[in-house]
C-alpha atoms as a PDB file:
ATOM      1  CA  MET A   1       0.000   0.000   0.000  1.00  0.00           C
ATOM      2  CA  CYS A   2       1.378   3.414  -0.895  1.00  0.00           C
ATOM      3  CA  GLN A   3       1.943   6.074   1.728  1.00  0.00           C
ATOM      4  CA  PRO A   4      -1.106   8.228   0.815  1.00  0.00           C
ATOM      5  CA  GLN A   5      -3.324   5.130   1.048  1.00  0.00           C
ATOM      6  CA  MET A   6      -1.846   4.220   4.415  1.00  0.00           C
ATOM      7  CA  LEU A   7      -2.405   7.770   5.627  1.00  0.00           C
ATOM      8  CA  LEU A   8      -6.034   7.746   4.540  1.00  0.00           C
ATOM      9  CA  ALA A   9      -6.614   4.349   6.130  1.00  0.00           C
ATOM     10  CA  LEU A  10      -5.100   5.586   9.404  1.00  0.00           C
ATOM     11  CA  LEU A  11      -7.197   8.747   9.299  1.00  0.00           C
ATOM     12  CA  LEU A  12     -10.317   6.671   8.802  1.00  0.00           C
ATOM     13  CA  LEU A  13      -9.458   4.419  11.724  1.00  0.00           C
ATOM     14  CA  LEU A  14      -8.694   7.362  14.004  1.00  0.00           C
ATOM     15  CA  CYS A  15     -11.436   9.731  12.937  1.00  0.00           C
ATOM     16  CA  CYS A  16     -14.289   7.400  12.041  1.00  0.00           C
ATOM     17  CA  PRO A  17     -13.717   3.793  13.150  1.00  0.00           C
ATOM     18  CA  TRP A  18     -17.091   2.895  11.637  1.00  0.00           C
ATOM     19  CA  ALA A  19     -15.463   3.203   8.217  1.00  0.00           C
ATOM     20  CA  ASN A  20     -12.586   0.822   9.077  1.00  0.00           C
ATOM     21  CA  ALA A  21      -9.403   0.461   7.034  1.00  0.00           C
ATOM     22  CA  SER A  22     -11.419  -0.915   4.131  1.00  0.00           C
ATOM     23  CA  ALA A  23     -12.244   2.561   2.873  1.00  0.00           C
ATOM     24  CA  LEU A  24      -9.939   1.829  -0.037  1.00  0.00           C
ATOM     25  CA  ARG A  25     -11.828  -1.182  -1.283  1.00  0.00           C
ATOM     26  CA  VAL A  26     -10.146  -3.390  -3.898  1.00  0.00           C
ATOM     27  CA  ARG A  27     -11.491  -6.937  -3.654  1.00  0.00           C
ATOM     28  CA  ILE A  28     -14.516  -8.738  -5.107  1.00  0.00           C
ATOM     29  CA  VAL A  29     -15.475 -11.143  -2.319  1.00  0.00           C
ATOM     30  CA  GLY A  30     -17.444 -14.243  -3.282  1.00  0.00           C
ATOM     31  CA  GLY A  31     -17.348 -13.378  -6.964  1.00  0.00           C
ATOM     32  CA  HIS A  32     -16.265 -15.034 -10.187  1.00  0.00           C
ATOM     33  CA  GLU A  33     -14.436 -14.038 -13.344  1.00  0.00           C
ATOM     34  CA  ALA A  34     -16.616 -11.941 -15.596  1.00  0.00           C
ATOM     35  CA  GLN A  35     -17.230 -12.913 -19.201  1.00  0.00           C
ATOM     36  CA  PRO A  36     -14.608 -10.884 -21.094  1.00  0.00           C
ATOM     37  CA  HIS A  37     -15.894  -7.415 -22.032  1.00  0.00           C
ATOM     38  CA  SER A  38     -19.339  -8.004 -20.532  1.00  0.00           C
ATOM     39  CA  HIS A  39     -18.901  -4.727 -18.621  1.00  0.00           C
ATOM     40  CA  PRO A  40     -17.676  -2.441 -21.438  1.00  0.00           C
ATOM     41  CA  TYR A  41     -18.162   0.689 -19.318  1.00  0.00           C
ATOM     42  CA  MET A  42     -15.475  -0.379 -16.816  1.00  0.00           C
ATOM     43  CA  ALA A  43     -12.300   1.681 -16.512  1.00  0.00           C
ATOM     44  CA  TYR A  44      -9.064   0.624 -14.840  1.00  0.00           C
ATOM     45  CA  LEU A  45      -7.439   3.625 -13.174  1.00  0.00           C
ATOM     46  CA  LYS A  46      -3.700   3.284 -12.724  1.00  0.00           C
ATOM     47  CA  VAL A  47      -2.351   5.509  -9.959  1.00  0.00           C
ATOM     48  CA  GLY A  48       1.401   4.860  -9.916  1.00  0.00           C
ATOM     49  CA  GLN A  49       1.763   1.185  -9.030  1.00  0.00           C
ATOM     50  CA  TYR A  50      -1.701   1.114  -7.454  1.00  0.00           C
ATOM     51  CA  ALA A  51      -5.173   1.180  -8.955  1.00  0.00           C
ATOM     52  CA  CYS A  52      -8.845   2.030  -8.611  1.00  0.00           C
ATOM     53  CA  GLY A  53     -11.916   1.269 -10.645  1.00  0.00           C
ATOM     54  CA  GLY A  54     -14.047   3.695 -12.594  1.00  0.00           C
ATOM     55  CA  PHE A  55     -16.662   3.764 -15.337  1.00  0.00           C
ATOM     56  CA  LEU A  56     -17.284   5.655 -18.555  1.00  0.00           C
ATOM     57  CA  VAL A  57     -20.299   7.989 -18.358  1.00  0.00           C
ATOM     58  CA  ALA A  58     -19.568   9.949 -21.567  1.00  0.00           C
ATOM     59  CA  PRO A  59     -16.947   9.466 -24.317  1.00  0.00           C
ATOM     60  CA  ASP A  60     -14.572  11.847 -22.503  1.00  0.00           C
ATOM     61  CA  TRP A  61     -15.728  11.500 -18.869  1.00  0.00           C
ATOM     62  CA  VAL A  62     -15.011   8.774 -16.295  1.00  0.00           C
ATOM     63  CA  MET A  63     -16.668   8.628 -12.880  1.00  0.00           C
ATOM     64  CA  THR A  64     -14.898   7.209  -9.818  1.00  0.00           C
ATOM     65  CA  ALA A  65     -14.473   7.756  -6.075  1.00  0.00           C
ATOM     66  CA  ALA A  66     -12.919  10.988  -4.793  1.00  0.00           C
ATOM     67  CA  HIS A  67     -10.645   9.024  -2.452  1.00  0.00           C
ATOM     68  CA  CYS A  68      -8.919   7.549  -5.540  1.00  0.00           C
ATOM     69  CA  LEU A  69      -7.217  10.907  -6.152  1.00  0.00           C
ATOM     70  CA  LEU A  70      -3.819   9.825  -4.832  1.00  0.00           C
ATOM     71  CA  GLY A  71      -1.728  11.061  -7.753  1.00  0.00           C
ATOM     72  CA  ASN A  72      -1.804  11.318 -11.537  1.00  0.00           C
ATOM     73  CA  ILE A  73      -4.218   8.801 -13.048  1.00  0.00           C
ATOM     74  CA  THR A  74      -3.946   6.861 -16.306  1.00  0.00           C
ATOM     75  CA  VAL A  75      -7.256   5.467 -17.580  1.00  0.00           C
ATOM     76  CA  ILE A  76      -7.434   2.102 -19.371  1.00  0.00           C
ATOM     77  CA  LEU A  77     -10.694   1.273 -21.132  1.00  0.00           C
ATOM     78  CA  GLY A  78     -11.758  -1.945 -22.877  1.00  0.00           C
ATOM     79  CA  ALA A  79      -9.663  -4.226 -20.645  1.00  0.00           C
ATOM     80  CA  HIS A  80     -10.346  -7.694 -19.281  1.00  0.00           C
ATOM     81  CA  ASN A  81      -6.886  -8.932 -18.284  1.00  0.00           C
ATOM     82  CA  ILE A  82      -5.192  -5.745 -17.198  1.00  0.00           C
ATOM     83  CA  GLN A  83      -1.705  -7.268 -17.450  1.00  0.00           C
ATOM     84  CA  GLU A  84      -2.114  -8.253 -21.112  1.00  0.00           C
ATOM     85  CA  PRO A  85      -1.668  -5.822 -24.048  1.00  0.00           C
ATOM     86  CA  GLU A  86      -5.156  -6.535 -25.374  1.00  0.00           C
ATOM     87  CA  SER A  87      -6.019  -5.000 -28.749  1.00  0.00           C
ATOM     88  CA  THR A  88      -9.353  -3.886 -27.256  1.00  0.00           C
ATOM     89  CA  GLN A  89      -7.702  -1.558 -24.745  1.00  0.00           C
ATOM     90  CA  GLN A  90      -7.727   2.231 -25.087  1.00  0.00           C
ATOM     91  CA  ILE A  91      -5.445   4.324 -22.893  1.00  0.00           C
ATOM     92  CA  ARG A  92      -6.226   7.917 -21.986  1.00  0.00           C
ATOM     93  CA  GLY A  93      -4.698  10.536 -19.747  1.00  0.00           C
ATOM     94  CA  VAL A  94      -6.677  12.847 -17.486  1.00  0.00           C
ATOM     95  CA  LEU A  95      -7.076  16.479 -18.501  1.00  0.00           C
ATOM     96  CA  GLY A  96      -9.063  17.550 -15.448  1.00  0.00           C
ATOM     97  CA  TYR A  97      -9.726  16.120 -11.975  1.00  0.00           C
ATOM     98  CA  HIS A  98     -13.086  17.080 -10.466  1.00  0.00           C
ATOM     99  CA  PRO A  99     -13.596  15.633  -6.961  1.00  0.00           C
ATOM    100  CA  HIS A 100     -16.816  16.746  -5.314  1.00  0.00           C
ATOM    101  CA  PRO A 101     -16.137  20.103  -3.603  1.00  0.00           C
ATOM    102  CA  GLU A 102     -17.608  18.823  -0.318  1.00  0.00           C
ATOM    103  CA  TYR A 103     -15.724  15.509  -0.296  1.00  0.00           C
ATOM    104  CA  ASN A 104     -14.599  14.806   3.279  1.00  0.00           C
ATOM    105  CA  PRO A 105     -11.707  12.299   3.529  1.00  0.00           C
ATOM    106  CA  GLN A 106     -12.328  11.839   7.255  1.00  0.00           C
ATOM    107  CA  THR A 107     -15.969  10.783   6.987  1.00  0.00           C
ATOM    108  CA  VAL A 108     -15.788   9.690   3.311  1.00  0.00           C
ATOM    109  CA  ALA A 109     -18.887  11.803   2.622  1.00  0.00           C
ATOM    110  CA  ASN A 110     -19.466  12.908  -0.997  1.00  0.00           C
ATOM    111  CA  ASP A 111     -16.983  10.300  -2.275  1.00  0.00           C
ATOM    112  CA  ILE A 112     -17.464  11.013  -5.975  1.00  0.00           C
ATOM    113  CA  MET A 113     -15.155  12.364  -8.672  1.00  0.00           C
ATOM    114  CA  LEU A 114     -15.324  13.046 -12.403  1.00  0.00           C
ATOM    115  CA  LEU A 115     -12.288  12.713 -14.659  1.00  0.00           C
ATOM    116  CA  LYS A 116     -12.139  14.662 -17.914  1.00  0.00           C
ATOM    117  CA  LEU A 117     -10.129  12.579 -20.394  1.00  0.00           C
ATOM    118  CA  THR A 118      -7.463  14.019 -22.685  1.00  0.00           C
ATOM    119  CA  SER A 119      -9.420  12.734 -25.691  1.00  0.00           C
ATOM    120  CA  LYS A 120     -12.715  10.982 -26.317  1.00  0.00           C
ATOM    121  CA  ALA A 121     -12.872   7.214 -26.159  1.00  0.00           C
ATOM    122  CA  THR A 122     -13.737   5.379 -29.358  1.00  0.00           C
ATOM    123  CA  LEU A 123     -17.029   3.695 -28.556  1.00  0.00           C
ATOM    124  CA  ASN A 124     -17.400   0.127 -29.807  1.00  0.00           C
ATOM    125  CA  GLU A 125     -18.465  -3.296 -28.502  1.00  0.00           C
ATOM    126  CA  TYR A 126     -15.589  -3.269 -25.974  1.00  0.00           C
ATOM    127  CA  VAL A 127     -15.859   0.342 -24.785  1.00  0.00           C
ATOM    128  CA  LYS A 128     -19.285   1.799 -23.997  1.00  0.00           C
ATOM    129  CA  THR A 129     -20.802   4.366 -21.672  1.00  0.00           C
ATOM    130  CA  ILE A 130     -23.257   3.454 -18.933  1.00  0.00           C
ATOM    131  CA  ARG A 131     -26.441   5.313 -18.078  1.00  0.00           C
ATOM    132  CA  LEU A 132     -26.841   7.334 -14.886  1.00  0.00           C
ATOM    133  CA  PRO A 133     -30.043   7.637 -12.819  1.00  0.00           C
ATOM    134  CA  LYS A 134     -32.700  10.076 -14.040  1.00  0.00           C
ATOM    135  CA  SER A 135     -34.144  10.909 -10.623  1.00  0.00           C
ATOM    136  CA  SER A 136     -33.020  11.078  -7.005  1.00  0.00           C
ATOM    137  CA  SER A 137     -35.469   8.443  -5.755  1.00  0.00           C
ATOM    138  CA  ASP A 138     -34.191   5.638  -3.512  1.00  0.00           C
ATOM    139  CA  LEU A 139     -33.741   2.132  -4.884  1.00  0.00           C
ATOM    140  CA  PRO A 140     -36.187  -0.399  -3.407  1.00  0.00           C
ATOM    141  CA  THR A 141     -34.724  -2.641  -0.709  1.00  0.00           C
ATOM    142  CA  GLY A 142     -33.650  -5.979  -2.167  1.00  0.00           C
ATOM    143  CA  THR A 143     -32.941  -4.606  -5.666  1.00  0.00           C
ATOM    144  CA  LYS A 144     -30.396  -6.899  -7.330  1.00  0.00           C
ATOM    145  CA  CYS A 145     -27.239  -5.158  -8.503  1.00  0.00           C
ATOM    146  CA  THR A 146     -23.833  -6.099  -9.906  1.00  0.00           C
ATOM    147  CA  ILE A 147     -20.356  -4.955  -8.927  1.00  0.00           C
ATOM    148  CA  ALA A 148     -17.142  -5.638 -10.822  1.00  0.00           C
ATOM    149  CA  GLY A 149     -13.457  -4.911 -10.379  1.00  0.00           C
ATOM    150  CA  TRP A 150      -9.855  -5.982 -10.650  1.00  0.00           C
ATOM    151  CA  GLY A 151      -7.628  -6.786  -7.689  1.00  0.00           C
ATOM    152  CA  LEU A 152      -7.762  -9.187  -4.768  1.00  0.00           C
ATOM    153  CA  ILE A 153     -10.469 -11.850  -4.716  1.00  0.00           C
ATOM    154  CA  ASP A 154      -9.651 -12.995  -1.191  1.00  0.00           C
ATOM    155  CA  LYS A 155      -7.206 -11.880   1.488  1.00  0.00           C
ATOM    156  CA  GLU A 156      -4.190 -13.328  -0.319  1.00  0.00           C
ATOM    157  CA  GLU A 157      -5.082 -14.166  -3.917  1.00  0.00           C
ATOM    158  CA  ALA A 158      -4.830 -11.511  -6.606  1.00  0.00           C
ATOM    159  CA  THR A 159      -6.202 -11.612 -10.128  1.00  0.00           C
ATOM    160  CA  ASP A 160      -5.430  -9.546 -13.212  1.00  0.00           C
ATOM    161  CA  LYS A 161      -8.842 -10.314 -14.732  1.00  0.00           C
ATOM    162  CA  LEU A 162     -12.136  -8.570 -14.157  1.00  0.00           C
ATOM    163  CA  PHE A 163     -14.268 -10.246 -11.491  1.00  0.00           C
ATOM    164  CA  GLU A 164     -17.928  -9.678 -10.708  1.00  0.00           C
ATOM    165  CA  THR A 165     -20.556 -10.564  -8.135  1.00  0.00           C
ATOM    166  CA  GLN A 166     -24.188  -9.813  -7.356  1.00  0.00           C
ATOM    167  CA  VAL A 167     -25.363  -7.885  -4.306  1.00  0.00           C
ATOM    168  CA  SER A 168     -28.684  -6.521  -3.042  1.00  0.00           C
ATOM    169  CA  ILE A 169     -29.676  -3.079  -1.779  1.00  0.00           C
ATOM    170  CA  TYR A 170     -30.062  -2.816   1.999  1.00  0.00           C
ATOM    171  CA  SER A 171     -32.750  -0.645   3.578  1.00  0.00           C
ATOM    172  CA  ARG A 172     -31.457   2.647   4.973  1.00  0.00           C
ATOM    173  CA  ARG A 173     -32.710   1.633   8.431  1.00  0.00           C
ATOM    174  CA  LYS A 174     -30.794  -1.653   8.375  1.00  0.00           C
ATOM    175  CA  CYS A 175     -27.677   0.002   6.986  1.00  0.00           C
ATOM    176  CA  THR A 176     -27.550   2.577   9.796  1.00  0.00           C
ATOM    177  CA  GLN A 177     -27.168  -0.345  12.221  1.00  0.00           C
ATOM    178  CA  PHE A 178     -23.768  -0.964  10.593  1.00  0.00           C
ATOM    179  CA  TYR A 179     -22.946   2.663   9.792  1.00  0.00           C
ATOM    180  CA  PRO A 180     -24.675   5.196  12.109  1.00  0.00           C
ATOM    181  CA  GLN A 181     -23.114   8.094  10.184  1.00  0.00           C
ATOM    182  CA  LEU A 182     -24.752   7.060   6.896  1.00  0.00           C
ATOM    183  CA  THR A 183     -25.785  10.116   4.877  1.00  0.00           C
ATOM    184  CA  SER A 184     -28.377  10.591   2.154  1.00  0.00           C
ATOM    185  CA  GLY A 185     -25.476  10.560  -0.320  1.00  0.00           C
ATOM    186  CA  MET A 186     -24.673   6.931   0.535  1.00  0.00           C
ATOM    187  CA  VAL A 187     -26.339   3.595  -0.155  1.00  0.00           C
ATOM    188  CA  CYS A 188     -25.612   0.121   1.255  1.00  0.00           C
ATOM    189  CA  ALA A 189     -25.451  -3.122  -0.697  1.00  0.00           C
ATOM    190  CA  GLY A 190     -24.247  -6.642  -0.008  1.00  0.00           C
ATOM    191  CA  SER A 191     -25.459 -10.212   0.250  1.00  0.00           C
ATOM    192  CA  PHE A 192     -27.884 -11.096   3.031  1.00  0.00           C
ATOM    193  CA  HIS A 193     -26.760 -14.729   3.167  1.00  0.00           C
ATOM    194  CA  GLN A 194     -23.254 -15.022   1.734  1.00  0.00           C
ATOM    195  CA  LEU A 195     -19.960 -13.183   1.917  1.00  0.00           C
ATOM    196  CA  LYS A 196     -20.324 -11.153  -1.264  1.00  0.00           C
ATOM    197  CA  ASP A 197     -19.140  -7.598  -1.496  1.00  0.00           C
ATOM    198  CA  SER A 198     -16.698  -5.223  -3.071  1.00  0.00           C
ATOM    199  CA  SER A 199     -13.520  -4.699  -1.119  1.00  0.00           C
ATOM    200  CA  GLN A 200     -10.094  -3.075  -1.207  1.00  0.00           C
ATOM    201  CA  GLY A 201      -9.097  -2.061  -4.738  1.00  0.00           C
ATOM    202  CA  ASP A 202     -12.470  -2.042  -6.438  1.00  0.00           C
ATOM    203  CA  SER A 203     -12.744   1.528  -5.112  1.00  0.00           C
ATOM    204  CA  GLY A 204     -14.447   3.809  -7.579  1.00  0.00           C
ATOM    205  CA  GLY A 205     -16.141   1.025  -9.544  1.00  0.00           C
ATOM    206  CA  PRO A 206     -19.885   1.149 -10.241  1.00  0.00           C
ATOM    207  CA  LEU A 207     -22.822  -0.436  -8.472  1.00  0.00           C
ATOM    208  CA  VAL A 208     -24.999  -1.334 -11.470  1.00  0.00           C
ATOM    209  CA  CYS A 209     -28.712  -1.988 -11.012  1.00  0.00           C
ATOM    210  CA  ASN A 210     -30.940  -2.671 -14.035  1.00  0.00           C
ATOM    211  CA  LYS A 211     -28.173  -1.469 -16.381  1.00  0.00           C
ATOM    212  CA  VAL A 212     -27.893   1.907 -14.604  1.00  0.00           C
ATOM    213  CA  ALA A 213     -24.902   3.029 -12.508  1.00  0.00           C
ATOM    214  CA  GLN A 214     -26.484   3.757  -9.127  1.00  0.00           C
ATOM    215  CA  GLY A 215     -23.471   3.821  -6.826  1.00  0.00           C
ATOM    216  CA  ILE A 216     -19.690   4.126  -6.545  1.00  0.00           C
ATOM    217  CA  VAL A 217     -17.666   1.694  -4.411  1.00  0.00           C
ATOM    218  CA  SER A 218     -16.598   3.735  -1.382  1.00  0.00           C
ATOM    219  CA  PHE A 219     -15.918   1.947   1.931  1.00  0.00           C
ATOM    220  CA  GLY A 220     -17.020  -0.709   4.407  1.00  0.00           C
ATOM    221  CA  TYR A 221     -16.115  -3.203   7.086  1.00  0.00           C
ATOM    222  CA  GLU A 222     -14.498  -6.562   6.348  1.00  0.00           C
ATOM    223  CA  GLN A 223     -18.003  -8.058   6.320  1.00  0.00           C
ATOM    224  CA  PRO A 224     -20.876  -6.934   4.051  1.00  0.00           C
ATOM    225  CA  PRO A 225     -22.655  -4.664   3.434  1.00  0.00           C
ATOM    226  CA  GLY A 226     -20.442  -2.184   1.602  1.00  0.00           C
ATOM    227  CA  VAL A 227     -21.166   1.512   1.316  1.00  0.00           C
ATOM    228  CA  TYR A 228     -21.445   3.239  -2.045  1.00  0.00           C
ATOM    229  CA  ALA A 229     -21.716   6.888  -2.996  1.00  0.00           C
ATOM    230  CA  ARG A 230     -25.323   7.319  -4.131  1.00  0.00           C
ATOM    231  CA  ILE A 231     -25.047   8.785  -7.635  1.00  0.00           C
ATOM    232  CA  SER A 232     -28.639  10.016  -7.785  1.00  0.00           C
ATOM    233  CA  SER A 233     -27.866  12.442  -4.944  1.00  0.00           C
ATOM    234  CA  TYR A 234     -25.335  14.242  -7.133  1.00  0.00           C
ATOM    235  CA  LEU A 235     -27.125  14.630 -10.471  1.00  0.00           C
ATOM    236  CA  PRO A 236     -27.134  18.475 -10.476  1.00  0.00           C
ATOM    237  CA  TRP A 237     -23.411  18.597  -9.640  1.00  0.00           C
ATOM    238  CA  ILE A 238     -22.625  15.947 -12.290  1.00  0.00           C
ATOM    239  CA  LYS A 239     -24.517  17.844 -15.003  1.00  0.00           C
ATOM    240  CA  HIS A 240     -22.944  21.168 -14.029  1.00  0.00           C
ATOM    241  CA  THR A 241     -19.418  19.738 -13.947  1.00  0.00           C
ATOM    242  CA  MET A 242     -19.706  17.987 -17.293  1.00  0.00           C
ATOM    243  CA  LYS A 243     -21.182  21.115 -18.909  1.00  0.00           C
ATOM    244  CA  LYS A 244     -18.208  23.190 -17.756  1.00  0.00           C
END
């Protein structure tokens, strides 16, 4: 773990122990390898020798978590095995970093960021955008959603390939039992019966429900549920930022 990540993890432990050291989540727990290129909106964000997830919301815009801003980011689109020079991959730099102005690294509130790419992605069957919510309404409890990411798949085993798993939306009431400081800009998801969740390294990846990106992997305990930035809470800011 790089020094900025260690610092953030320590801050989270000291300032808000409810968030735990898993605020930088990079592991798909209880998942399986995704069918190659079945999530064409996914972006691999290389930050030095470390990484986050992200997703393409417009040809020249990627959305991710604000806590992934640990240095200059290189964006890789169209990847399945991130360690292979796949012909489907497109690499872009970042022209502008736009973390939410009220992002709080101590409480992990407003953990959302937009990246303006140096040039537009070429959209094809391997690289596509994903839709965002149209309204700020809450998702019904029990809604089935998918998360995907690269990184660790258990506490010791790493994978270079994209993994995925299915989770369900928790009620806000139930989620506050795990996270009393839950805000309206957060949503909980996990498996009610099995150990399935996003974890360290999948940070910034999307929570996809009915083919719409509803959340951004943010933080959580070692056990489910995980906490996601609730995208529908930020629609005015997203539109304003992308217009600029």
